[in-house]
Amino acid sequence: MSRSSITGIIIFLDRTPVFALARRLGTIATSTYSAEFMAMKTAVEEVMSVGYMLTCLGVKVTRPIPILGDNRSVIMNATIPAS
């Protein structure tokens, strides 16, 4: 009814879910692509905060944290800025 998208994020540490988020986006996107891009931005912000929290707790984060998504064009544009 409201035409705004719902973002869903689950963050796993090893195979254990440690963070879950489901919320309606505050703005109405004009395309599926922009809604997916806003969701990816939210996911990256949350992953960065969990990585920082782990560092503060003394856990060494030595490798990049992978982010999985279901929209290939958003993932390609986020990982290859020239595309």
PDB file of N, CA and C in Angstrom:
ATOM      1  N   MET A   1       0.809  -1.200   0.000  1.00  0.00           N
ATOM      2  CA  MET A   1       0.000   0.000   0.000  1.00  0.00           C
ATOM      3  C   MET A   1       0.852   1.264   0.000  1.00  0.00           C
ATOM      4  N   SER A   2       1.947   1.245   0.772  1.00  0.00           N
ATOM      5  CA  SER A   2       2.770   2.450   0.883  1.00  0.00           C
ATOM      6  C   SER A   2       3.814   2.544  -0.221  1.00  0.00           C
ATOM      7  N   ARG A   3       4.034   1.467  -0.967  1.00  0.00           N
ATOM      8  CA  ARG A   3       4.999   1.388  -2.061  1.00  0.00           C
ATOM      9  C   ARG A   3       6.440   1.537  -1.612  1.00  0.00           C
ATOM     10  N   SER A   4       6.725   1.586  -0.315  1.00  0.00           N
ATOM     11  CA  SER A   4       8.113   1.639   0.121  1.00  0.00           C
ATOM     12  C   SER A   4       8.605   0.215   0.377  1.00  0.00           C
ATOM     13  N   SER A   5       9.876  -0.012   0.101  1.00  0.00           N
ATOM     14  CA  SER A   5      10.456  -1.344   0.186  1.00  0.00           C
ATOM     15  C   SER A   5      10.797  -1.712   1.625  1.00  0.00           C
ATOM     16  N   ILE A   6      10.895  -3.002   1.867  1.00  0.00           N
ATOM     17  CA  ILE A   6      11.311  -3.507   3.162  1.00  0.00           C
ATOM     18  C   ILE A   6      12.693  -4.116   3.015  1.00  0.00           C
ATOM     19  N   THR A   7      13.613  -3.683   3.865  1.00  0.00           N
ATOM     20  CA  THR A   7      14.980  -4.197   3.864  1.00  0.00           C
ATOM     21  C   THR A   7      15.099  -5.288   4.910  1.00  0.00           C
ATOM     22  N   GLY A   8      15.702  -6.405   4.529  1.00  0.00           N
ATOM     23  CA  GLY A   8      15.946  -7.484   5.470  1.00  0.00           C
ATOM     24  C   GLY A   8      17.422  -7.847   5.463  1.00  0.00           C
ATOM     25  N   ILE A   9      18.028  -7.891   6.645  1.00  0.00           N
ATOM     26  CA  ILE A   9      19.460  -8.176   6.763  1.00  0.00           C
ATOM     27  C   ILE A   9      19.657  -9.180   7.896  1.00  0.00           C
ATOM     28  N   ILE A  10      20.492 -10.184   7.657  1.00  0.00           N
ATOM     29  CA  ILE A  10      20.919 -11.096   8.717  1.00  0.00           C
ATOM     30  C   ILE A  10      22.439 -11.157   8.658  1.00  0.00           C
ATOM     31  N   ILE A  11      23.096 -10.918   9.785  1.00  0.00           N
ATOM     32  CA  ILE A  11      24.553 -10.985   9.856  1.00  0.00           C
ATOM     33  C   ILE A  11      24.920 -12.229  10.655  1.00  0.00           C
ATOM     34  N   PHE A  12      25.770 -13.056  10.054  1.00  0.00           N
ATOM     35  CA  PHE A  12      26.221 -14.293  10.678  1.00  0.00           C
ATOM     36  C   PHE A  12      27.664 -14.143  11.138  1.00  0.00           C
ATOM     37  N   LEU A  13      27.973 -14.701  12.280  1.00  0.00           N
ATOM     38  CA  LEU A  13      29.348 -14.830  12.757  1.00  0.00           C
ATOM     39  C   LEU A  13      29.630 -16.316  12.765  1.00  0.00           C
ATOM     40  N   ASP A  14      30.479 -16.745  11.847  1.00  0.00           N
ATOM     41  CA  ASP A  14      30.650 -18.147  11.524  1.00  0.00           C
ATOM     42  C   ASP A  14      29.315 -18.620  10.964  1.00  0.00           C
ATOM     43  N   ARG A  15      28.615 -19.511  11.617  1.00  0.00           N
ATOM     44  CA  ARG A  15      27.304 -19.932  11.117  1.00  0.00           C
ATOM     45  C   ARG A  15      26.172 -19.550  12.066  1.00  0.00           C
ATOM     46  N   THR A  16      26.466 -18.645  12.984  1.00  0.00           N
ATOM     47  CA  THR A  16      25.489 -18.234  13.984  1.00  0.00           C
ATOM     48  C   THR A  16      24.972 -16.836  13.659  1.00  0.00           C
ATOM     49  N   PRO A  17      23.658 -16.664  13.521  1.00  0.00           N
ATOM     50  CA  PRO A  17      23.133 -15.320  13.288  1.00  0.00           C
ATOM     51  C   PRO A  17      23.310 -14.460  14.545  1.00  0.00           C
ATOM     52  N   VAL A  18      23.942 -13.299  14.390  1.00  0.00           N
ATOM     53  CA  VAL A  18      24.188 -12.412  15.531  1.00  0.00           C
ATOM     54  C   VAL A  18      23.429 -11.092  15.421  1.00  0.00           C
ATOM     55  N   PHE A  19      22.886 -10.803  14.250  1.00  0.00           N
ATOM     56  CA  PHE A  19      22.167  -9.545  14.057  1.00  0.00           C
ATOM     57  C   PHE A  19      21.125  -9.747  12.968  1.00  0.00           C
ATOM     58  N   ALA A  20      19.921  -9.261  13.213  1.00  0.00           N
ATOM     59  CA  ALA A  20      18.862  -9.316  12.206  1.00  0.00           C
ATOM     60  C   ALA A  20      18.144  -7.979  12.177  1.00  0.00           C
ATOM     61  N   LEU A  21      17.777  -7.551  10.985  1.00  0.00           N
ATOM     62  CA  LEU A  21      17.098  -6.274  10.810  1.00  0.00           C
ATOM     63  C   LEU A  21      16.056  -6.438   9.712  1.00  0.00           C
ATOM     64  N   ALA A  22      14.868  -5.983   9.964  1.00  0.00           N
ATOM     65  CA  ALA A  22      13.826  -5.909   8.941  1.00  0.00           C
ATOM     66  C   ALA A  22      13.107  -4.591   9.165  1.00  0.00           C
ATOM     67  N   ARG A  23      13.192  -3.715   8.182  1.00  0.00           N
ATOM     68  CA  ARG A  23      12.520  -2.427   8.342  1.00  0.00           C
ATOM     69  C   ARG A  23      12.085  -1.875   6.989  1.00  0.00           C
ATOM     70  N   ARG A  24      11.098  -1.058   7.047  1.00  0.00           N
ATOM     71  CA  ARG A  24      10.587  -0.408   5.846  1.00  0.00           C
ATOM     72  C   ARG A  24      11.464   0.807   5.562  1.00  0.00           C
ATOM     73  N   LEU A  25      11.882   0.970   4.314  1.00  0.00           N
ATOM     74  CA  LEU A  25      12.706   2.121   3.951  1.00  0.00           C
ATOM     75  C   LEU A  25      11.894   3.401   4.084  1.00  0.00           C
ATOM     76  N   GLY A  26      12.551   4.453   4.517  1.00  0.00           N
ATOM     77  CA  GLY A  26      11.873   5.718   4.761  1.00  0.00           C
ATOM     78  C   GLY A  26      11.453   6.459   3.510  1.00  0.00           C
ATOM     79  N   THR A  27      12.062   6.138   2.384  1.00  0.00           N
ATOM     80  CA  THR A  27      11.730   6.820   1.141  1.00  0.00           C
ATOM     81  C   THR A  27      11.180   5.828   0.136  1.00  0.00           C
ATOM     82  N   ILE A  28      10.450   6.338  -0.816  1.00  0.00           N
ATOM     83  CA  ILE A  28       9.922   5.495  -1.884  1.00  0.00           C
ATOM     84  C   ILE A  28      10.897   5.550  -3.045  1.00  0.00           C
ATOM     85  N   ALA A  29      11.423   4.399  -3.430  1.00  0.00           N
ATOM     86  CA  ALA A  29      12.386   4.335  -4.527  1.00  0.00           C
ATOM     87  C   ALA A  29      11.644   4.323  -5.860  1.00  0.00           C
ATOM     88  N   THR A  30      12.248   4.950  -6.852  1.00  0.00           N
ATOM     89  CA  THR A  30      11.623   4.989  -8.169  1.00  0.00           C
ATOM     90  C   THR A  30      11.902   3.731  -8.973  1.00  0.00           C
ATOM     91  N   SER A  31      12.800   2.891  -8.486  1.00  0.00           N
ATOM     92  CA  SER A  31      13.108   1.649  -9.194  1.00  0.00           C
ATOM     93  C   SER A  31      13.548   0.582  -8.199  1.00  0.00           C
ATOM     94  N   THR A  32      13.460  -0.653  -8.631  1.00  0.00           N
ATOM     95  CA  THR A  32      13.922  -1.763  -7.799  1.00  0.00           C
ATOM     96  C   THR A  32      15.417  -1.630  -7.549  1.00  0.00           C
ATOM     97  N   TYR A  33      16.163  -1.181  -8.575  1.00  0.00           N
ATOM     98  CA  TYR A  33      17.612  -1.043  -8.456  1.00  0.00           C
ATOM     99  C   TYR A  33      17.971  -0.084  -7.319  1.00  0.00           C
ATOM    100  N   SER A  34      17.335   1.063  -7.257  1.00  0.00           N
ATOM    101  CA  SER A  34      17.704   2.024  -6.209  1.00  0.00           C
ATOM    102  C   SER A  34      17.283   1.507  -4.833  1.00  0.00           C
ATOM    103  N   ALA A  35      16.173   0.784  -4.738  1.00  0.00           N
ATOM    104  CA  ALA A  35      15.768   0.195  -3.457  1.00  0.00           C
ATOM    105  C   ALA A  35      16.788  -0.843  -3.010  1.00  0.00           C
ATOM    106  N   GLU A  36      17.266  -1.663  -3.951  1.00  0.00           N
ATOM    107  CA  GLU A  36      18.277  -2.672  -3.631  1.00  0.00           C
ATOM    108  C   GLU A  36      19.596  -2.004  -3.240  1.00  0.00           C
ATOM    109  N   PHE A  37      19.937  -0.904  -3.892  1.00  0.00           N
ATOM    110  CA  PHE A  37      21.176  -0.199  -3.571  1.00  0.00           C
ATOM    111  C   PHE A  37      21.104   0.404  -2.169  1.00  0.00           C
ATOM    112  N   MET A  38      19.958   0.954  -1.793  1.00  0.00           N
ATOM    113  CA  MET A  38      19.795   1.499  -0.438  1.00  0.00           C
ATOM    114  C   MET A  38      19.883   0.373   0.598  1.00  0.00           C
ATOM    115  N   ALA A  39      19.329  -0.797   0.264  1.00  0.00           N
ATOM    116  CA  ALA A  39      19.415  -1.940   1.176  1.00  0.00           C
ATOM    117  C   ALA A  39      20.862  -2.392   1.331  1.00  0.00           C
ATOM    118  N   MET A  40      21.623  -2.403   0.240  1.00  0.00           N
ATOM    119  CA  MET A  40      23.031  -2.792   0.307  1.00  0.00           C
ATOM    120  C   MET A  40      23.822  -1.796   1.156  1.00  0.00           C
ATOM    121  N   LYS A  41      23.507  -0.514   1.021  1.00  0.00           N
ATOM    122  CA  LYS A  41      24.173   0.513   1.836  1.00  0.00           C
ATOM    123  C   LYS A  41      23.913   0.261   3.318  1.00  0.00           C
ATOM    124  N   THR A  42      22.682  -0.041   3.668  1.00  0.00           N
ATOM    125  CA  THR A  42      22.342  -0.342   5.062  1.00  0.00           C
ATOM    126  C   THR A  42      23.096  -1.573   5.547  1.00  0.00           C
ATOM    127  N   ALA A  43      23.165  -2.599   4.709  1.00  0.00           N
ATOM    128  CA  ALA A  43      23.874  -3.830   5.078  1.00  0.00           C
ATOM    129  C   ALA A  43      25.353  -3.560   5.321  1.00  0.00           C
ATOM    130  N   VAL A  44      25.978  -2.764   4.462  1.00  0.00           N
ATOM    131  CA  VAL A  44      27.401  -2.446   4.616  1.00  0.00           C
ATOM    132  C   VAL A  44      27.627  -1.673   5.917  1.00  0.00           C
ATOM    133  N   GLU A  45      26.760  -0.718   6.223  1.00  0.00           N
ATOM    134  CA  GLU A  45      26.899   0.041   7.472  1.00  0.00           C
ATOM    135  C   GLU A  45      26.801  -0.879   8.690  1.00  0.00           C
ATOM    136  N   GLU A  46      25.867  -1.821   8.666  1.00  0.00           N
ATOM    137  CA  GLU A  46      25.698  -2.741   9.793  1.00  0.00           C
ATOM    138  C   GLU A  46      26.881  -3.694   9.916  1.00  0.00           C
ATOM    139  N   VAL A  47      27.392  -4.191   8.786  1.00  0.00           N
ATOM    140  CA  VAL A  47      28.555  -5.087   8.815  1.00  0.00           C
ATOM    141  C   VAL A  47      29.774  -4.352   9.357  1.00  0.00           C
ATOM    142  N   MET A  48      29.941  -3.092   8.964  1.00  0.00           N
ATOM    143  CA  MET A  48      31.061  -2.305   9.479  1.00  0.00           C
ATOM    144  C   MET A  48      30.952  -2.116  10.988  1.00  0.00           C
ATOM    145  N   SER A  49      29.740  -1.893  11.484  1.00  0.00           N
ATOM    146  CA  SER A  49      29.584  -1.703  12.932  1.00  0.00           C
ATOM    147  C   SER A  49      29.825  -3.003  13.689  1.00  0.00           C
ATOM    148  N   VAL A  50      29.414  -4.139  13.140  1.00  0.00           N
ATOM    149  CA  VAL A  50      29.692  -5.426  13.788  1.00  0.00           C
ATOM    150  C   VAL A  50      31.194  -5.713  13.759  1.00  0.00           C
ATOM    151  N   GLY A  51      31.865  -5.402  12.642  1.00  0.00           N
ATOM    152  CA  GLY A  51      33.322  -5.572  12.566  1.00  0.00           C
ATOM    153  C   GLY A  51      34.039  -4.711  13.585  1.00  0.00           C
ATOM    154  N   TYR A  52      33.576  -3.475  13.765  1.00  0.00           N
ATOM    155  CA  TYR A  52      34.168  -2.586  14.764  1.00  0.00           C
ATOM    156  C   TYR A  52      33.936  -3.118  16.171  1.00  0.00           C
ATOM    157  N   MET A  53      32.714  -3.623  16.419  1.00  0.00           N
ATOM    158  CA  MET A  53      32.405  -4.180  17.730  1.00  0.00           C
ATOM    159  C   MET A  53      33.313  -5.379  18.034  1.00  0.00           C
ATOM    160  N   LEU A  54      33.531  -6.243  17.046  1.00  0.00           N
ATOM    161  CA  LEU A  54      34.419  -7.390  17.246  1.00  0.00           C
ATOM    162  C   LEU A  54      35.839  -6.933  17.564  1.00  0.00           C
ATOM    163  N   THR A  55      36.308  -5.904  16.858  1.00  0.00           N
ATOM    164  CA  THR A  55      37.638  -5.364  17.109  1.00  0.00           C
ATOM    165  C   THR A  55      37.738  -4.815  18.535  1.00  0.00           C
ATOM    166  N   CYS A  56      36.707  -4.123  18.977  1.00  0.00           N
ATOM    167  CA  CYS A  56      36.688  -3.582  20.343  1.00  0.00           C
ATOM    168  C   CYS A  56      36.688  -4.689  21.391  1.00  0.00           C
ATOM    169  N   LEU A  57      36.119  -5.843  21.050  1.00  0.00           N
ATOM    170  CA  LEU A  57      36.085  -6.976  21.972  1.00  0.00           C
ATOM    171  C   LEU A  57      37.368  -7.802  21.929  1.00  0.00           C
ATOM    172  N   GLY A  58      38.319  -7.401  21.078  1.00  0.00           N
ATOM    173  CA  GLY A  58      39.601  -8.090  21.007  1.00  0.00           C
ATOM    174  C   GLY A  58      39.672  -9.189  19.966  1.00  0.00           C
ATOM    175  N   VAL A  59      38.650  -9.306  19.121  1.00  0.00           N
ATOM    176  CA  VAL A  59      38.662 -10.307  18.054  1.00  0.00           C
ATOM    177  C   VAL A  59      39.338  -9.692  16.837  1.00  0.00           C
ATOM    178  N   LYS A  60      40.394 -10.331  16.345  1.00  0.00           N
ATOM    179  CA  LYS A  60      41.089  -9.800  15.173  1.00  0.00           C
ATOM    180  C   LYS A  60      40.304 -10.130  13.915  1.00  0.00           C
ATOM    181  N   VAL A  61      39.958  -9.101  13.167  1.00  0.00           N
ATOM    182  CA  VAL A  61      39.291  -9.270  11.878  1.00  0.00           C
ATOM    183  C   VAL A  61      40.381  -9.093  10.832  1.00  0.00           C
ATOM    184  N   THR A  62      40.874 -10.212  10.284  1.00  0.00           N
ATOM    185  CA  THR A  62      42.043 -10.164   9.414  1.00  0.00           C
ATOM    186  C   THR A  62      41.721 -10.267   7.926  1.00  0.00           C
ATOM    187  N   ARG A  63      40.489 -10.570   7.595  1.00  0.00           N
ATOM    188  CA  ARG A  63      40.153 -10.693   6.176  1.00  0.00           C
ATOM    189  C   ARG A  63      38.868  -9.924   5.889  1.00  0.00           C
ATOM    190  N   PRO A  64      38.621  -9.623   4.639  1.00  0.00           N
ATOM    191  CA  PRO A  64      37.398  -8.884   4.292  1.00  0.00           C
ATOM    192  C   PRO A  64      36.146  -9.673   4.687  1.00  0.00           C
ATOM    193  N   ILE A  65      35.104  -8.948   5.025  1.00  0.00           N
ATOM    194  CA  ILE A  65      33.835  -9.572   5.398  1.00  0.00           C
ATOM    195  C   ILE A  65      32.971  -9.651   4.147  1.00  0.00           C
ATOM    196  N   PRO A  66      32.608 -10.856   3.719  1.00  0.00           N
ATOM    197  CA  PRO A  66      31.800 -10.978   2.499  1.00  0.00           C
ATOM    198  C   PRO A  66      30.349 -10.550   2.737  1.00  0.00           C
ATOM    199  N   ILE A  67      29.763  -9.922   1.727  1.00  0.00           N
ATOM    200  CA  ILE A  67      28.357  -9.541   1.764  1.00  0.00           C
ATOM    201  C   ILE A  67      27.679 -10.212   0.580  1.00  0.00           C
ATOM    202  N   LEU A  68      26.615 -10.922   0.847  1.00  0.00           N
ATOM    203  CA  LEU A  68      25.876 -11.624  -0.195  1.00  0.00           C
ATOM    204  C   LEU A  68      24.575 -10.882  -0.464  1.00  0.00           C
ATOM    205  N   GLY A  69      24.203 -10.804  -1.720  1.00  0.00           N
ATOM    206  CA  GLY A  69      22.962 -10.131  -2.090  1.00  0.00           C
ATOM    207  C   GLY A  69      22.279 -10.872  -3.214  1.00  0.00           C
ATOM    208  N   ASP A  70      21.046 -10.477  -3.511  1.00  0.00           N
ATOM    209  CA  ASP A  70      20.291 -11.161  -4.548  1.00  0.00           C
ATOM    210  C   ASP A  70      20.112 -10.341  -5.826  1.00  0.00           C
ATOM    211  N   ASN A  71      20.773  -9.197  -5.930  1.00  0.00           N
ATOM    212  CA  ASN A  71      20.671  -8.380  -7.130  1.00  0.00           C
ATOM    213  C   ASN A  71      22.065  -8.209  -7.712  1.00  0.00           C
ATOM    214  N   ARG A  72      22.357  -8.926  -8.789  1.00  0.00           N
ATOM    215  CA  ARG A  72      23.705  -8.952  -9.366  1.00  0.00           C
ATOM    216  C   ARG A  72      24.181  -7.567  -9.817  1.00  0.00           C
ATOM    217  N   SER A  73      23.302  -6.763 -10.398  1.00  0.00           N
ATOM    218  CA  SER A  73      23.755  -5.461 -10.894  1.00  0.00           C
ATOM    219  C   SER A  73      24.158  -4.538  -9.740  1.00  0.00           C
ATOM    220  N   VAL A  74      23.479  -4.596  -8.624  1.00  0.00           N
ATOM    221  CA  VAL A  74      23.861  -3.782  -7.459  1.00  0.00           C
ATOM    222  C   VAL A  74      25.214  -4.245  -6.928  1.00  0.00           C
ATOM    223  N   ILE A  75      25.403  -5.549  -6.831  1.00  0.00           N
ATOM    224  CA  ILE A  75      26.664  -6.081  -6.329  1.00  0.00           C
ATOM    225  C   ILE A  75      27.809  -5.703  -7.261  1.00  0.00           C
ATOM    226  N   MET A  76      27.622  -5.817  -8.563  1.00  0.00           N
ATOM    227  CA  MET A  76      28.682  -5.471  -9.518  1.00  0.00           C
ATOM    228  C   MET A  76      29.006  -3.984  -9.432  1.00  0.00           C
ATOM    229  N   ASN A  77      28.027  -3.113  -9.336  1.00  0.00           N
ATOM    230  CA  ASN A  77      28.275  -1.674  -9.243  1.00  0.00           C
ATOM    231  C   ASN A  77      28.907  -1.298  -7.910  1.00  0.00           C
ATOM    232  N   ALA A  78      28.633  -2.061  -6.875  1.00  0.00           N
ATOM    233  CA  ALA A  78      29.215  -1.756  -5.567  1.00  0.00           C
ATOM    234  C   ALA A  78      30.649  -2.244  -5.457  1.00  0.00           C
ATOM    235  N   THR A  79      31.013  -3.308  -6.177  1.00  0.00           N
ATOM    236  CA  THR A  79      32.355  -3.860  -6.074  1.00  0.00           C
ATOM    237  C   THR A  79      33.299  -3.365  -7.165  1.00  0.00           C
ATOM    238  N   ILE A  80      32.753  -2.942  -8.294  1.00  0.00           N
ATOM    239  CA  ILE A  80      33.568  -2.425  -9.390  1.00  0.00           C
ATOM    240  C   ILE A  80      33.063  -1.013  -9.698  1.00  0.00           C
ATOM    241  N   PRO A  81      33.656   0.009  -9.082  1.00  0.00           N
ATOM    242  CA  PRO A  81      33.142   1.381  -9.242  1.00  0.00           C
ATOM    243  C   PRO A  81      33.094   1.874 -10.691  1.00  0.00           C
ATOM    244  N   ALA A  82      33.939   1.355 -11.568  1.00  0.00           N
ATOM    245  CA  ALA A  82      33.956   1.821 -12.949  1.00  0.00           C
ATOM    246  C   ALA A  82      32.761   1.309 -13.761  1.00  0.00           C
ATOM    247  N   SER A  83      32.041   0.312 -13.236  1.00  0.00           N
ATOM    248  CA  SER A  83      30.934  -0.265 -14.028  1.00  0.00           C
ATOM    249  C   SER A  83      29.675   0.573 -13.962  1.00  0.00           C
TER     250      SER A  83
END
